[in-house]
Amino acid sequence: MQIDEHIIKRLESAYPQDILRWAHATYHQRLVVVTSFQPTGIVTLHMLNEMQIRPTVITLDTGVLFPETYALMDEIEARFDLDLIRVQPELTLDQQAAIYGDKLWEHDPDQCCQMRKTRPLEKALQPYEAWITGLRRDQSPNRANTPVITWDKRHHMVKLAPFATWTEDMIWTYIHAHDLPYNTLHDQGYPSIGCLTCTRAIAKGEDIRSGRWSNHEKTECGIHNI
């Protein structure tokens, strides 16, 4: 499916609030927000709440998230009265270990991510026509060319990144200006937070996603791969 070039051009230079309004006006109940409650996701949810827009929100509960992430999830859900769907994998960790061996994330992280993140998301997205992500161009070299709007060939739907042009500093300025809660691990050297089994704190000067799967040649879980 081709997205109208005029829409692409208009949204590329639009403010995030205008992109969110356009997405809601265009897709209504067929729009979904997907977030792991990183800073950009929190800003997204706050803006939507301020505009009294209440789309369904999906988060992936892999079963191995940090306690701090679960605490933040509960706090944000209550604060914004979210219509939150916590998507879980088909297999429990014990079932996965029985079939594929213990600590699959250590010897085959791609398969682990596929089973606990990408496949569950593919199923969860099926009822919708457009999804909102927290992707930004400054997050990693792989994301440097992230479009504000594109056709997601993998999921057969429109994919939006309203904050693609924002920087990390802009996100944090917004969070502090509005006194928004955030994951306390960010204050402990974790700029990007995933599963506790595959995320470490980073040293000063490292890429913000270098703490993800640091023992492997991997910086993405696969959700945003085409």
Protein backbone atom coordinates (compact mmCIF):
# COMPACT_ATOMS: atom_id res chain seq x y z
CA MET A 1 0.00 0.00 0.00
CA GLN A 2 1.23 3.47 -0.88
CA ILE A 3 0.76 6.39 1.50
CA ASP A 4 -0.10 9.70 -0.13
CA GLU A 5 3.06 11.75 -0.64
CA HIS A 6 1.28 14.90 0.51
CA ILE A 7 0.48 13.24 3.83
CA ILE A 8 4.07 12.06 4.21
CA LYS A 9 5.42 15.54 3.52
CA ARG A 10 2.92 17.25 5.82
CA LEU A 11 3.49 14.91 8.76
CA GLU A 12 7.27 14.98 8.38
CA SER A 13 7.32 18.61 9.47
CA ALA A 14 4.34 18.47 11.84
CA TYR A 15 4.43 18.71 15.62
CA PRO A 16 3.89 15.40 17.45
CA GLN A 17 0.55 16.61 18.81
CA ASP A 18 -0.67 17.28 15.28
CA ILE A 19 0.51 13.87 14.12
CA LEU A 20 -1.33 12.22 17.00
CA ARG A 21 -4.50 14.20 16.24
CA TRP A 22 -4.30 13.24 12.57
CA ALA A 23 -3.80 9.57 13.44
CA HIS A 24 -6.78 9.56 15.78
CA ALA A 25 -9.02 11.43 13.32
CA THR A 26 -8.02 9.07 10.52
CA TYR A 27 -8.12 5.69 12.26
CA HIS A 28 -10.22 6.14 15.42
CA GLN A 29 -10.68 2.72 17.07
CA ARG A 30 -8.40 1.12 14.48
CA LEU A 31 -5.43 2.99 15.98
CA VAL A 32 -3.23 1.44 18.67
CA VAL A 33 -0.25 2.69 20.67
CA VAL A 34 2.55 0.21 21.34
CA THR A 35 4.88 1.12 24.17
CA SER A 36 7.44 -0.40 26.51
CA PHE A 37 7.13 2.66 28.76
CA GLN A 38 10.40 4.18 27.66
CA PRO A 39 10.58 8.00 27.94
CA THR A 40 9.19 8.63 24.44
CA GLY A 41 6.26 6.35 25.13
CA ILE A 42 5.46 8.20 28.33
CA VAL A 43 5.47 11.52 26.47
CA THR A 44 3.19 10.00 23.83
CA LEU A 45 0.70 8.81 26.44
CA HIS A 46 0.75 12.16 28.24
CA MET A 47 0.08 14.12 25.04
CA LEU A 48 -2.80 11.84 24.13
CA ASN A 49 -4.22 12.18 27.62
CA GLU A 50 -3.96 15.97 27.45
CA MET A 51 -5.89 15.91 24.17
CA GLN A 52 -8.45 13.51 25.69
CA ILE A 53 -7.65 10.89 23.07
CA ARG A 54 -7.85 7.36 24.44
CA PRO A 55 -6.66 4.74 21.98
CA THR A 56 -5.95 1.18 23.00
CA VAL A 57 -2.42 0.77 24.35
CA ILE A 58 -0.43 -2.44 23.95
CA THR A 59 2.65 -3.39 25.94
CA LEU A 60 4.63 -6.61 25.72
CA ASP A 61 5.01 -8.36 29.06
CA THR A 62 7.78 -10.83 28.30
CA GLY A 63 7.77 -12.23 31.82
CA VAL A 64 11.34 -11.04 32.41
CA LEU A 65 10.94 -7.29 32.74
CA PHE A 66 12.59 -5.31 35.53
CA PRO A 67 10.53 -4.78 38.71
CA GLU A 68 10.94 -1.06 38.09
CA THR A 69 9.29 -1.46 34.68
CA TYR A 70 6.27 -3.25 36.13
CA ALA A 71 5.95 -0.57 38.82
CA LEU A 72 6.04 2.20 36.21
CA MET A 73 3.54 0.36 34.04
CA ASP A 74 1.07 0.19 36.94
CA GLU A 75 1.61 3.85 37.81
CA ILE A 76 1.12 5.13 34.25
CA GLU A 77 -1.91 2.90 33.69
CA ALA A 78 -3.61 4.33 36.77
CA ARG A 79 -2.56 7.94 36.18
CA PHE A 80 -3.81 8.09 32.60
CA ASP A 81 -6.62 5.54 33.03
CA LEU A 82 -5.25 3.61 30.09
CA ASP A 83 -7.05 1.04 28.00
CA LEU A 84 -3.96 -1.15 28.43
CA ILE A 85 -3.50 -4.63 26.99
CA ARG A 86 -0.56 -6.53 28.46
CA VAL A 87 0.40 -9.02 25.78
CA GLN A 88 2.14 -12.15 27.02
CA PRO A 89 3.95 -14.95 25.16
CA GLU A 90 2.24 -18.25 24.51
CA LEU A 91 4.86 -20.13 26.54
CA THR A 92 5.78 -19.48 30.15
CA LEU A 93 9.49 -19.29 30.94
CA ASP A 94 9.38 -22.82 32.35
CA GLN A 95 7.64 -24.16 29.24
CA GLN A 96 10.14 -22.37 27.01
CA ALA A 97 13.06 -23.81 28.98
CA ALA A 98 11.63 -27.33 28.78
CA ILE A 99 11.41 -27.13 24.98
CA TYR A 100 14.36 -24.94 23.99
CA GLY A 101 16.69 -25.21 26.96
CA ASP A 102 17.33 -22.99 29.95
CA LYS A 103 18.14 -19.32 29.41
CA LEU A 104 17.34 -19.25 25.70
CA TRP A 105 18.22 -15.54 25.66
CA GLU A 106 21.87 -16.44 26.25
CA HIS A 107 22.40 -18.93 23.42
CA ASP A 108 19.76 -17.78 20.92
CA PRO A 109 18.48 -14.27 21.75
CA ASP A 110 16.87 -13.85 18.33
CA GLN A 111 14.61 -16.85 18.88
CA CYS A 112 13.84 -15.72 22.41
CA CYS A 113 12.81 -12.26 21.18
CA GLN A 114 10.75 -13.82 18.43
CA MET A 115 8.84 -15.99 20.87
CA ARG A 116 8.40 -13.45 23.65
CA LYS A 117 8.04 -10.23 21.66
CA THR A 118 7.70 -10.26 17.87
CA ARG A 119 5.19 -13.11 17.47
CA PRO A 120 2.93 -11.94 20.31
CA LEU A 121 2.94 -8.42 18.87
CA GLU A 122 2.10 -9.64 15.37
CA LYS A 123 -0.99 -11.36 16.75
CA ALA A 124 -1.98 -8.40 18.93
CA LEU A 125 -1.77 -5.92 16.04
CA GLN A 126 -4.08 -7.85 13.73
CA PRO A 127 -7.33 -5.99 14.63
CA TYR A 128 -5.80 -2.56 13.91
CA GLU A 129 -4.90 -0.51 10.84
CA ALA A 130 -2.27 1.82 12.28
CA TRP A 131 0.15 1.74 15.18
CA ILE A 132 2.05 4.43 17.03
CA THR A 133 5.64 3.75 18.10
CA GLY A 134 8.24 5.61 20.14
CA LEU A 135 10.99 5.38 17.53
CA ARG A 136 13.37 8.32 17.20
CA ARG A 137 16.16 8.92 14.71
CA ASP A 138 18.72 9.71 17.39
CA GLN A 139 18.30 6.39 19.21
CA SER A 140 20.73 4.38 17.09
CA PRO A 141 22.31 4.28 13.61
CA ASN A 142 19.71 1.67 12.61
CA ARG A 143 16.96 4.18 13.36
CA ALA A 144 18.58 7.24 11.78
CA ASN A 145 16.22 7.22 8.79
CA THR A 146 13.02 6.42 10.66
CA PRO A 147 10.06 7.92 8.76
CA VAL A 148 7.29 9.71 10.62
CA ILE A 149 4.78 7.63 8.69
CA THR A 150 5.28 4.56 6.55
CA TRP A 151 3.57 1.41 5.36
CA ASP A 152 4.62 -1.45 7.61
CA LYS A 153 5.03 -4.36 5.21
CA ARG A 154 5.56 -6.85 7.98
CA HIS A 155 2.35 -6.11 9.83
CA HIS A 156 0.37 -4.85 6.81
CA MET A 157 -0.60 -1.57 8.42
CA VAL A 158 0.40 2.06 8.77
CA LYS A 159 3.25 2.72 11.19
CA LEU A 160 3.75 6.09 12.85
CA ALA A 161 6.69 7.58 14.73
CA PRO A 162 5.39 10.98 15.88
CA PHE A 163 8.64 11.76 17.72
CA ALA A 164 11.05 10.62 15.01
CA THR A 165 12.59 14.08 14.75
CA TRP A 166 12.82 14.73 18.49
CA THR A 167 16.06 14.27 20.42
CA GLU A 168 16.63 12.59 23.76
CA ASP A 169 17.11 16.01 25.38
CA MET A 170 13.75 17.19 24.03
CA ILE A 171 12.02 14.13 25.46
CA TRP A 172 13.55 14.58 28.91
CA THR A 173 12.84 18.30 28.91
CA TYR A 174 9.17 17.49 28.31
CA ILE A 175 9.12 14.82 31.03
CA HIS A 176 10.61 17.14 33.63
CA ALA A 177 8.47 20.11 32.57
CA HIS A 178 5.31 18.06 33.13
CA ASP A 179 6.63 16.20 36.17
CA LEU A 180 5.96 12.83 34.56
CA PRO A 181 6.99 9.53 36.16
CA TYR A 182 9.69 7.52 34.44
CA ASN A 183 11.63 4.32 34.99
CA THR A 184 14.06 4.91 37.87
CA LEU A 185 16.63 2.73 36.11
CA HIS A 186 17.27 5.69 33.82
CA ASP A 187 18.96 7.36 36.79
CA GLN A 188 21.23 4.34 37.19
CA GLY A 189 22.84 4.30 33.75
CA TYR A 190 20.12 2.51 31.77
CA PRO A 191 19.10 4.77 28.85
CA SER A 192 17.30 1.92 27.03
CA ILE A 193 15.46 -0.68 29.08
CA GLY A 194 14.29 -4.07 27.90
CA CYS A 195 14.26 -7.45 29.61
CA LEU A 196 16.35 -7.71 32.77
CA THR A 197 18.10 -10.76 31.30
CA CYS A 198 19.41 -8.81 28.31
CA THR A 199 19.90 -5.23 29.52
CA ARG A 200 22.85 -3.65 31.33
CA ALA A 201 23.84 -0.16 32.36
CA ILE A 202 26.15 1.63 29.93
CA ALA A 203 29.33 3.63 30.37
CA LYS A 204 29.60 7.30 29.53
CA GLY A 205 30.00 7.81 25.79
CA GLU A 206 28.47 4.48 24.76
CA ASP A 207 25.58 4.34 22.30
CA ILE A 208 22.29 4.54 24.17
CA ARG A 209 21.28 1.06 22.95
CA SER A 210 24.67 -0.56 23.60
CA GLY A 211 23.37 -1.99 26.86
CA ARG A 212 20.88 -4.18 25.02
CA TRP A 213 22.07 -7.75 24.22
CA SER A 214 25.62 -6.53 24.85
CA ASN A 215 27.13 -10.02 24.58
CA HIS A 216 25.70 -10.47 21.09
CA GLU A 217 25.81 -8.65 17.75
CA LYS A 218 22.27 -7.48 18.26
CA THR A 219 20.71 -4.11 19.10
CA GLU A 220 17.08 -4.68 18.05
CA CYS A 221 14.52 -7.22 19.24
CA GLY A 222 13.06 -7.51 15.74
CA ILE A 223 9.78 -5.68 16.23
CA HIS A 224 10.88 -2.83 14.00
CA ASN A 225 12.68 -4.94 11.41
CA ILE A 226 11.06 -5.09 7.98
